[in-house]
Amino acid sequence: VDAAGTGGVMAVPLRARAKTHGALAVLRGEGEELTAEDLKLGNLLGHQTALAFANLELIAQVRRTERIRRELEMAAEIQASILPPPLTEAGPLTAVASCQPAQEVGGDAYLVLPAGDGLLAGVADVSGHGLSSALLMNAFASEVQALALTETRPGALLTATNRLIADRVGEMSLFVTVALIQCDGDGRLAMASAGHPPAMILTPGGEVRPVDIGGVPLGVLDDEVYEEAIFEPDEYNAIVLYSDGLTEARNAAGEMYGLERLEAMLRDVAGRDADPRRVHAVILDDLARFAGDVAQADDLTVLAVGRRR
């Protein structure tokens, strides 16, 4: 403060909630000194002004938070709208799926599309969490659905999708793991994987076969060619695809659900009733018993596909 031509001068810092917002200057006329009343009034005005600034910032922050909340709600609605119905029947085939994001929006999704007299189905998981992963998942799902209009072979579909999105995914420092199956009306099944957790094949003999085809996640190598595994109708009753949010779910003791528990539980189901609706329900019920009320840190997607008998 330039005090030329003035008397007493006082500067009161405008500080509230551990933040300084500026200073309030109190000046007297030339030849006049500040009184004790002036000091008291200046401090009071400074305190009230600092609180006003702090409240304005708080209001702005609340508005920003509310705007972000609305945007996340809209993103969640959009993401939910791209998911197929939880139950799909195509000829003799039944697909049952669910997707539970850990946050408002998630990086998991499932896909179920008609493919001739059968269907194309899969589970995908974008690395990371939150809005960026959800946006990438939406873009991935759109690309796959567009390509599937002319190509339903899982290996070729993953190869083509990877070439389209590899640069975009790499720029975001993310990647996508995917497991895709294509099942004909006669039950012949083809499967391809891009770094996804092993699929679980439930056999007619009541066994459970984990199938890990390999393949790197989408977005890692833009020239990757994805191979397929073929299963004949007499080799399976149902197949289960899932994201790692299932096997990495934890209980109150910090223990992971794990692949071994999943296999053991499915082995019991395979020996009794491998209907995909029952298989899907039993998986979620068993996970709920294991995890209890513990909030999970990752998205959870489960897809069961089988033939009605």
Foldseek 3Di string as FASTA:
>chain_A
DPQPQWEAKDWAFQDDPRDTPGIDMDTHGPPDYDDPVNVVVRNVVSPVVSVVVVVVVVVVVVVVVVVVVVVLLVLLVVLVVLADPQWDDAQQKIKGKDKFFLDSAFLKGKDWADDVSWIKIKIKGKPDTDDVSSVVSVVLSVQLVVVSVPDRQAQVSLLVSLLVCLVVQVVVVMFMWMKMWIAHSQGKIKIWIAPFFFKWFQALQLAIDTHDQYHHTRNPDNRDGIDIDIDHNRGGFKMKGKHCLLQQWAAPVRDGCHDVVLRVQSSVCSNPPLDQVVNVVSSVVVSCVGHPPDRGDGMIMMMMMGGHD
